[in-house]
mmCIF file of all heavy atoms, coordinates in Angstrom:
data_MODEL
# 
_entry.id   MODEL 
# 
loop_
_atom_site.group_PDB 
_atom_site.id 
_atom_site.type_symbol 
_atom_site.label_atom_id 
_atom_site.label_alt_id 
_atom_site.label_comp_id 
_atom_site.label_asym_id 
_atom_site.label_entity_id 
_atom_site.label_seq_id 
_atom_site.pdbx_PDB_ins_code 
_atom_site.Cartn_x 
_atom_site.Cartn_y 
_atom_site.Cartn_z 
_atom_site.occupancy 
_atom_site.B_iso_or_equiv 
_atom_site.pdbx_formal_charge 
_atom_site.auth_seq_id 
_atom_site.auth_comp_id 
_atom_site.auth_asym_id 
_atom_site.auth_atom_id 
_atom_site.pdbx_PDB_model_num 
ATOM 1   N N   . PHE A 1 1  ? -6.940  -21.998 18.656 1.00 0.00 ? 1  PHE A N   1 
ATOM 2   C CA  . PHE A 1 1  ? -8.015  -21.281 19.350 1.00 0.00 ? 1  PHE A CA  1 
ATOM 3   C C   . PHE A 1 1  ? -9.063  -20.850 18.311 1.00 0.00 ? 1  PHE A C   1 
ATOM 4   O O   . PHE A 1 1  ? -9.173  -19.671 17.982 1.00 0.00 ? 1  PHE A O   1 
ATOM 5   C CB  . PHE A 1 1  ? -7.450  -20.065 20.098 1.00 0.00 ? 1  PHE A CB  1 
ATOM 6   C CG  . PHE A 1 1  ? -6.248  -20.403 20.952 1.00 0.00 ? 1  PHE A CG  1 
ATOM 7   C CD1 . PHE A 1 1  ? -4.961  -20.120 20.517 1.00 0.00 ? 1  PHE A CD1 1 
ATOM 8   C CD2 . PHE A 1 1  ? -6.412  -21.018 22.178 1.00 0.00 ? 1  PHE A CD2 1 
ATOM 9   C CE1 . PHE A 1 1  ? -3.854  -20.438 21.295 1.00 0.00 ? 1  PHE A CE1 1 
ATOM 10  C CE2 . PHE A 1 1  ? -5.317  -21.330 22.973 1.00 0.00 ? 1  PHE A CE2 1 
ATOM 11  C CZ  . PHE A 1 1  ? -4.030  -21.050 22.531 1.00 0.00 ? 1  PHE A CZ  1 
ATOM 12  N N   . PRO A 1 2  ? -9.822  -21.815 17.777 1.00 0.00 ? 2  PRO A N   1 
ATOM 13  C CA  . PRO A 1 2  ? -10.682 -21.538 16.614 1.00 0.00 ? 2  PRO A CA  1 
ATOM 14  C C   . PRO A 1 2  ? -11.789 -20.523 16.870 1.00 0.00 ? 2  PRO A C   1 
ATOM 15  O O   . PRO A 1 2  ? -12.349 -19.993 15.905 1.00 0.00 ? 2  PRO A O   1 
ATOM 16  C CB  . PRO A 1 2  ? -11.254 -22.918 16.264 1.00 0.00 ? 2  PRO A CB  1 
ATOM 17  C CG  . PRO A 1 2  ? -11.058 -23.754 17.482 1.00 0.00 ? 2  PRO A CG  1 
ATOM 18  C CD  . PRO A 1 2  ? -9.837  -23.237 18.150 1.00 0.00 ? 2  PRO A CD  1 
ATOM 19  N N   . ASP A 1 3  ? -12.101 -20.226 18.109 1.00 0.00 ? 3  ASP A N   1 
ATOM 20  C CA  . ASP A 1 3  ? -13.119 -19.216 18.396 1.00 0.00 ? 3  ASP A CA  1 
ATOM 21  C C   . ASP A 1 3  ? -12.535 -17.806 18.456 1.00 0.00 ? 3  ASP A C   1 
ATOM 22  O O   . ASP A 1 3  ? -13.286 -16.840 18.646 1.00 0.00 ? 3  ASP A O   1 
ATOM 23  C CB  . ASP A 1 3  ? -13.816 -19.528 19.730 1.00 0.00 ? 3  ASP A CB  1 
ATOM 24  C CG  . ASP A 1 3  ? -14.631 -20.811 19.670 1.00 0.00 ? 3  ASP A CG  1 
ATOM 25  O OD1 . ASP A 1 3  ? -15.087 -21.163 18.564 1.00 0.00 ? 3  ASP A OD1 1 
ATOM 26  O OD2 . ASP A 1 3  ? -14.800 -21.452 20.719 1.00 0.00 ? 3  ASP A OD2 1 
ATOM 27  N N   . LEU A 1 4  ? -11.223 -17.695 18.304 1.00 0.00 ? 4  LEU A N   1 
ATOM 28  C CA  . LEU A 1 4  ? -10.546 -16.412 18.417 1.00 0.00 ? 4  LEU A CA  1 
ATOM 29  C C   . LEU A 1 4  ? -9.899  -16.038 17.083 1.00 0.00 ? 4  LEU A C   1 
ATOM 30  O O   . LEU A 1 4  ? -9.662  -16.891 16.232 1.00 0.00 ? 4  LEU A O   1 
ATOM 31  C CB  . LEU A 1 4  ? -9.475  -16.460 19.512 1.00 0.00 ? 4  LEU A CB  1 
ATOM 32  C CG  . LEU A 1 4  ? -9.959  -16.873 20.905 1.00 0.00 ? 4  LEU A CG  1 
ATOM 33  C CD1 . LEU A 1 4  ? -8.786  -16.959 21.868 1.00 0.00 ? 4  LEU A CD1 1 
ATOM 34  C CD2 . LEU A 1 4  ? -11.008 -15.898 21.425 1.00 0.00 ? 4  LEU A CD2 1 
ATOM 35  N N   . VAL A 1 5  ? -9.618  -14.746 16.897 1.00 0.00 ? 5  VAL A N   1 
ATOM 36  C CA  . VAL A 1 5  ? -8.971  -14.300 15.659 1.00 0.00 ? 5  VAL A CA  1 
ATOM 37  C C   . VAL A 1 5  ? -7.549  -14.848 15.597 1.00 0.00 ? 5  VAL A C   1 
ATOM 38  O O   . VAL A 1 5  ? -6.921  -15.116 16.630 1.00 0.00 ? 5  VAL A O   1 
ATOM 39  C CB  . VAL A 1 5  ? -8.949  -12.764 15.546 1.00 0.00 ? 5  VAL A CB  1 
ATOM 40  C CG1 . VAL A 1 5  ? -10.346 -12.199 15.458 1.00 0.00 ? 5  VAL A CG1 1 
ATOM 41  C CG2 . VAL A 1 5  ? -8.146  -12.126 16.675 1.00 0.00 ? 5  VAL A CG2 1 
ATOM 42  N N   . PRO A 1 6  ? -6.987  -14.988 14.383 1.00 0.00 ? 6  PRO A N   1 
ATOM 43  C CA  . PRO A 1 6  ? -5.608  -15.444 14.249 1.00 0.00 ? 6  PRO A CA  1 
ATOM 44  C C   . PRO A 1 6  ? -4.589  -14.340 14.507 1.00 0.00 ? 6  PRO A C   1 
ATOM 45  O O   . PRO A 1 6  ? -3.402  -14.621 14.655 1.00 0.00 ? 6  PRO A O   1 
ATOM 46  C CB  . PRO A 1 6  ? -5.529  -15.918 12.795 1.00 0.00 ? 6  PRO A CB  1 
ATOM 47  C CG  . PRO A 1 6  ? -6.523  -15.034 12.094 1.00 0.00 ? 6  PRO A CG  1 
ATOM 48  C CD  . PRO A 1 6  ? -7.646  -14.830 13.069 1.00 0.00 ? 6  PRO A CD  1 
ATOM 49  N N   . GLY A 1 7  ? -5.064  -13.094 14.559 1.00 0.00 ? 7  GLY A N   1 
ATOM 50  C CA  . GLY A 1 7  ? -4.129  -11.975 14.677 1.00 0.00 ? 7  GLY A CA  1 
ATOM 51  C C   . GLY A 1 7  ? -3.615  -11.564 13.316 1.00 0.00 ? 7  GLY A C   1 
ATOM 52  O O   . GLY A 1 7  ? -3.656  -12.330 12.354 1.00 0.00 ? 7  GLY A O   1 
ATOM 53  N N   . GLY A 1 8  ? -3.143  -10.326 13.235 1.00 0.00 ? 8  GLY A N   1 
ATOM 54  C CA  . GLY A 1 8  ? -2.649  -9.837  11.946 1.00 0.00 ? 8  GLY A CA  1 
ATOM 55  C C   . GLY A 1 8  ? -1.430  -8.949  12.127 1.00 0.00 ? 8  GLY A C   1 
ATOM 56  O O   . GLY A 1 8  ? -1.024  -8.689  13.256 1.00 0.00 ? 8  GLY A O   1 
ATOM 57  N N   . SER A 1 9  ? -0.836  -8.517  11.042 1.00 0.00 ? 9  SER A N   1 
ATOM 58  C CA  . SER A 1 9  ? -1.384  -8.743  9.716  1.00 0.00 ? 9  SER A CA  1 
ATOM 59  C C   . SER A 1 9  ? -0.910  -10.038 9.064  1.00 0.00 ? 9  SER A C   1 
ATOM 60  O O   . SER A 1 9  ? -1.498  -10.488 8.077  1.00 0.00 ? 9  SER A O   1 
ATOM 61  C CB  . SER A 1 9  ? -1.028  -7.567  8.800  1.00 0.00 ? 9  SER A CB  1 
ATOM 62  O OG  . SER A 1 9  ? 0.368   -7.485  8.597  1.00 0.00 ? 9  SER A OG  1 
ATOM 63  N N   . SER A 1 10 ? 0.124   -10.675 9.626  1.00 0.00 ? 10 SER A N   1 
ATOM 64  C CA  . SER A 1 10 ? 0.661   -11.905 9.029  1.00 0.00 ? 10 SER A CA  1 
ATOM 65  C C   . SER A 1 10 ? -0.141  -13.117 9.508  1.00 0.00 ? 10 SER A C   1 
ATOM 66  O O   . SER A 1 10 ? 0.418   -14.114 9.979  1.00 0.00 ? 10 SER A O   1 
ATOM 67  C CB  . SER A 1 10 ? 2.139   -12.059 9.381  1.00 0.00 ? 10 SER A CB  1 
ATOM 68  O OG  . SER A 1 10 ? 2.890   -10.931 9.006  1.00 0.00 ? 10 SER A OG  1 
ATOM 69  N N   . SER A 1 11 ? -1.468  -13.039 9.353  1.00 0.00 ? 11 SER A N   1 
ATOM 70  C CA  . SER A 1 11 ? -2.367  -14.058 9.891  1.00 0.00 ? 11 SER A CA  1 
ATOM 71  C C   . SER A 1 11 ? -2.121  -15.430 9.271  1.00 0.00 ? 11 SER A C   1 
ATOM 72  O O   . SER A 1 11 ? -2.028  -16.437 9.976  1.00 0.00 ? 11 SER A O   1 
ATOM 73  C CB  . SER A 1 11 ? -3.815  -13.638 9.656  1.00 0.00 ? 11 SER A CB  1 
ATOM 74  O OG  . SER A 1 11 ? -4.035  -13.329 8.275  1.00 0.00 ? 11 SER A OG  1 
ATOM 75  N N   . GLY A 1 12 ? -2.039  -15.488 7.954  1.00 0.00 ? 12 GLY A N   1 
ATOM 76  C CA  . GLY A 1 12 ? -1.856  -16.765 7.282  1.00 0.00 ? 12 GLY A CA  1 
ATOM 77  C C   . GLY A 1 12 ? -0.529  -17.418 7.601  1.00 0.00 ? 12 GLY A C   1 
ATOM 78  O O   . GLY A 1 12 ? -0.443  -18.650 7.704  1.00 0.00 ? 12 GLY A O   1 
ATOM 79  N N   . SER A 1 13 ? 0.503   -16.613 7.779  1.00 0.00 ? 13 SER A N   1 
ATOM 80  C CA  . SER A 1 13 ? 1.823   -17.158 8.092  1.00 0.00 ? 13 SER A CA  1 
ATOM 81  C C   . SER A 1 13 ? 1.798   -17.871 9.438  1.00 0.00 ? 13 SER A C   1 
ATOM 82  O O   . SER A 1 13 ? 2.297   -18.992 9.580  1.00 0.00 ? 13 SER A O   1 
ATOM 83  C CB  . SER A 1 13 ? 2.867   -16.036 8.101  1.00 0.00 ? 13 SER A CB  1 
ATOM 84  O OG  . SER A 1 13 ? 2.946   -15.391 6.844  1.00 0.00 ? 13 SER A OG  1 
ATOM 85  N N   . ALA A 1 14 ? 1.218   -17.214 10.457 1.00 0.00 ? 14 ALA A N   1 
ATOM 86  C CA  . ALA A 1 14 ? 1.153   -17.811 11.787 1.00 0.00 ? 14 ALA A CA  1 
ATOM 87  C C   . ALA A 1 14 ? 0.245   -19.035 11.796 1.00 0.00 ? 14 ALA A C   1 
ATOM 88  O O   . ALA A 1 14 ? 0.573   -20.072 12.389 1.00 0.00 ? 14 ALA A O   1 
ATOM 89  C CB  . ALA A 1 14 ? 0.668   -16.777 12.798 1.00 0.00 ? 14 ALA A CB  1 
ATOM 90  N N   . ALA A 1 15 ? -0.917  -18.924 11.148 1.00 0.00 ? 15 ALA A N   1 
ATOM 91  C CA  . ALA A 1 15 ? -1.880  -20.022 11.153 1.00 0.00 ? 15 ALA A CA  1 
ATOM 92  C C   . ALA A 1 15 ? -1.341  -21.240 10.421 1.00 0.00 ? 15 ALA A C   1 
ATOM 93  O O   . ALA A 1 15 ? -1.589  -22.387 10.831 1.00 0.00 ? 15 ALA A O   1 
ATOM 94  C CB  . ALA A 1 15 ? -3.192  -19.558 10.530 1.00 0.00 ? 15 ALA A CB  1 
ATOM 95  N N   . ALA A 1 16 ? -0.608  -21.035 9.323  1.00 0.00 ? 16 ALA A N   1 
ATOM 96  C CA  . ALA A 1 16 ? -0.060  -22.159 8.567  1.00 0.00 ? 16 ALA A CA  1 
ATOM 97  C C   . ALA A 1 16 ? 0.932   -22.953 9.406  1.00 0.00 ? 16 ALA A C   1 
ATOM 98  O O   . ALA A 1 16 ? 0.971   -24.187 9.349  1.00 0.00 ? 16 ALA A O   1 
ATOM 99  C CB  . ALA A 1 16 ? 0.605   -21.655 7.284  1.00 0.00 ? 16 ALA A CB  1 
ATOM 100 N N   . VAL A 1 17 ? 1.735   -22.248 10.203 1.00 0.00 ? 17 VAL A N   1 
ATOM 101 C CA  . VAL A 1 17 ? 2.685   -22.929 11.088 1.00 0.00 ? 17 VAL A CA  1 
ATOM 102 C C   . VAL A 1 17 ? 1.941   -23.630 12.225 1.00 0.00 ? 17 VAL A C   1 
ATOM 103 O O   . VAL A 1 17 ? 2.209   -24.797 12.550 1.00 0.00 ? 17 VAL A O   1 
ATOM 104 C CB  . VAL A 1 17 ? 3.716   -21.936 11.647 1.00 0.00 ? 17 VAL A CB  1 
ATOM 105 C CG1 . VAL A 1 17 ? 4.552   -22.575 12.752 1.00 0.00 ? 17 VAL A CG1 1 
ATOM 106 C CG2 . VAL A 1 17 ? 4.634   -21.434 10.534 1.00 0.00 ? 17 VAL A CG2 1 
ATOM 107 N N   . ALA A 1 18 ? 0.981   -22.937 12.834 1.00 0.00 ? 18 ALA A N   1 
ATOM 108 C CA  . ALA A 1 18 ? 0.238   -23.514 13.952 1.00 0.00 ? 18 ALA A CA  1 
ATOM 109 C C   . ALA A 1 18 ? -0.534  -24.761 13.536 1.00 0.00 ? 18 ALA A C   1 
ATOM 110 O O   . ALA A 1 18 ? -0.706  -25.694 14.327 1.00 0.00 ? 18 ALA A O   1 
ATOM 111 C CB  . ALA A 1 18 ? -0.705  -22.473 14.537 1.00 0.00 ? 18 ALA A CB  1 
ATOM 112 N N   . ASP A 1 19 ? -0.991  -24.789 12.287 1.00 0.00 ? 19 ASP A N   1 
ATOM 113 C CA  . ASP A 1 19 ? -1.766  -25.919 11.783 1.00 0.00 ? 19 ASP A CA  1 
ATOM 114 C C   . ASP A 1 19 ? -0.887  -27.060 11.269 1.00 0.00 ? 19 ASP A C   1 
ATOM 115 O O   . ASP A 1 19 ? -1.402  -28.088 10.840 1.00 0.00 ? 19 ASP A O   1 
ATOM 116 C CB  . ASP A 1 19 ? -2.695  -25.441 10.659 1.00 0.00 ? 19 ASP A CB  1 
ATOM 117 C CG  . ASP A 1 19 ? -3.913  -26.334 10.491 1.00 0.00 ? 19 ASP A CG  1 
ATOM 118 O OD1 . ASP A 1 19 ? -4.288  -27.024 11.457 1.00 0.00 ? 19 ASP A OD1 1 
ATOM 119 O OD2 . ASP A 1 19 ? -4.502  -26.332 9.395  1.00 0.00 ? 19 ASP A OD2 1 
ATOM 120 N N   . GLY A 1 20 ? 0.432   -26.847 11.277 1.00 0.00 ? 20 GLY A N   1 
ATOM 121 C CA  . GLY A 1 20 ? 1.340   -27.872 10.803 1.00 0.00 ? 20 GLY A CA  1 
ATOM 122 C C   . GLY A 1 20 ? 1.384   -28.020 9.303  1.00 0.00 ? 20 GLY A C   1 
ATOM 123 O O   . GLY A 1 20 ? 1.896   -29.017 8.780  1.00 0.00 ? 20 GLY A O   1 
ATOM 124 N N   . LEU A 1 21 ? 0.862   -27.026 8.576  1.00 0.00 ? 21 LEU A N   1 
ATOM 125 C CA  . LEU A 1 21 ? 0.857   -27.092 7.115  1.00 0.00 ? 21 LEU A CA  1 
ATOM 126 C C   . LEU A 1 21 ? 2.245   -26.857 6.539  1.00 0.00 ? 21 LEU A C   1 
ATOM 127 O O   . LEU A 1 21 ? 2.551   -27.322 5.432  1.00 0.00 ? 21 LEU A O   1 
ATOM 128 C CB  . LEU A 1 21 ? -0.124  -26.062 6.546  1.00 0.00 ? 21 LEU A CB  1 
ATOM 129 C CG  . LEU A 1 21 ? -1.584  -26.220 6.985  1.00 0.00 ? 21 LEU A CG  1 
ATOM 130 C CD1 . LEU A 1 21 ? -2.429  -25.093 6.411  1.00 0.00 ? 21 LEU A CD1 1 
ATOM 131 C CD2 . LEU A 1 21 ? -2.132  -27.571 6.551  1.00 0.00 ? 21 LEU A CD2 1 
ATOM 132 N N   . VAL A 1 22 ? 3.062   -26.102 7.255  1.00 0.00 ? 22 VAL A N   1 
ATOM 133 C CA  . VAL A 1 22 ? 4.433   -25.817 6.844  1.00 0.00 ? 22 VAL A CA  1 
ATOM 134 C C   . VAL A 1 22 ? 5.326   -25.860 8.079  1.00 0.00 ? 22 VAL A C   1 
ATOM 135 O O   . VAL A 1 22 ? 4.859   -25.746 9.222  1.00 0.00 ? 22 VAL A O   1 
ATOM 136 C CB  . VAL A 1 22 ? 4.569   -24.428 6.164  1.00 0.00 ? 22 VAL A CB  1 
ATOM 137 C CG1 . VAL A 1 22 ? 3.922   -24.422 4.794  1.00 0.00 ? 22 VAL A CG1 1 
ATOM 138 C CG2 . VAL A 1 22 ? 3.995   -23.335 7.049  1.00 0.00 ? 22 VAL A CG2 1 
ATOM 139 N N   . ASP A 1 23 ? 6.628   -26.002 7.832  1.00 0.00 ? 23 ASP A N   1 
ATOM 140 C CA  . ASP A 1 23 ? 7.586   -26.009 8.945  1.00 0.00 ? 23 ASP A CA  1 
ATOM 141 C C   . ASP A 1 23 ? 7.833   -24.603 9.476  1.00 0.00 ? 23 ASP A C   1 
ATOM 142 O O   . ASP A 1 23 ? 7.952   -24.405 10.686 1.00 0.00 ? 23 ASP A O   1 
ATOM 143 C CB  . ASP A 1 23 ? 8.903   -26.637 8.480  1.00 0.00 ? 23 ASP A CB  1 
ATOM 144 C CG  . ASP A 1 23 ? 8.727   -28.090 8.062  1.00 0.00 ? 23 ASP A CG  1 
ATOM 145 O OD1 . ASP A 1 23 ? 8.167   -28.873 8.853  1.00 0.00 ? 23 ASP A OD1 1 
ATOM 146 O OD2 . ASP A 1 23 ? 9.139   -28.435 6.935  1.00 0.00 ? 23 ASP A OD2 1 
ATOM 147 N N   . VAL A 1 24 ? 7.926   -23.652 8.564  1.00 0.00 ? 24 VAL A N   1 
ATOM 148 C CA  . VAL A 1 24 ? 8.167   -22.258 8.931  1.00 0.00 ? 24 VAL A CA  1 
ATOM 149 C C   . VAL A 1 24 ? 7.388   -21.367 7.978  1.00 0.00 ? 24 VAL A C   1 
ATOM 150 O O   . VAL A 1 24 ? 6.866   -21.832 6.955  1.00 0.00 ? 24 VAL A O   1 
ATOM 151 C CB  . VAL A 1 24 ? 9.672   -21.887 8.877  1.00 0.00 ? 24 VAL A CB  1 
ATOM 152 C CG1 . VAL A 1 24 ? 10.471  -22.674 9.906  1.00 0.00 ? 24 VAL A CG1 1 
ATOM 153 C CG2 . VAL A 1 24 ? 10.239  -22.115 7.475  1.00 0.00 ? 24 VAL A CG2 1 
ATOM 154 N N   . ALA A 1 25 ? 7.301   -20.095 8.307  1.00 0.00 ? 25 ALA A N   1 
ATOM 155 C CA  . ALA A 1 25 ? 6.641   -19.134 7.422  1.00 0.00 ? 25 ALA A CA  1 
ATOM 156 C C   . ALA A 1 25 ? 7.347   -17.794 7.544  1.00 0.00 ? 25 ALA A C   1 
ATOM 157 O O   . ALA A 1 25 ? 8.029   -17.525 8.543  1.00 0.00 ? 25 ALA A O   1 
ATOM 158 C CB  . ALA A 1 25 ? 5.160   -18.998 7.769  1.00 0.00 ? 25 ALA A CB  1 
ATOM 159 N N   . ILE A 1 26 ? 7.135   -16.966 6.533  1.00 0.00 ? 26 ILE A N   1 
ATOM 160 C CA  . ILE A 1 26 ? 7.717   -15.622 6.523  1.00 0.00 ? 26 ILE A CA  1 
ATOM 161 C C   . ILE A 1 26 ? 6.581   -14.608 6.566  1.00 0.00 ? 26 ILE A C   1 
ATOM 162 O O   . ILE A 1 26 ? 5.593   -14.722 5.839  1.00 0.00 ? 26 ILE A O   1 
ATOM 163 C CB  . ILE A 1 26 ? 8.570   -15.387 5.262  1.00 0.00 ? 26 ILE A CB  1 
ATOM 164 C CG1 . ILE A 1 26 ? 9.710   -16.414 5.201  1.00 0.00 ? 26 ILE A CG1 1 
ATOM 165 C CG2 . ILE A 1 26 ? 9.134   -13.972 5.262  1.00 0.00 ? 26 ILE A CG2 1 
ATOM 166 C CD1 . ILE A 1 26 ? 10.711  -16.337 6.331  1.00 0.00 ? 26 ILE A CD1 1 
# 
């Protein structure tokens, strides 16, 4: 949802998984 915020505070963790950059995140 590129027009919306990723949410926080663990924004990068969620976005990395959603983008398929990693299998899981902490």
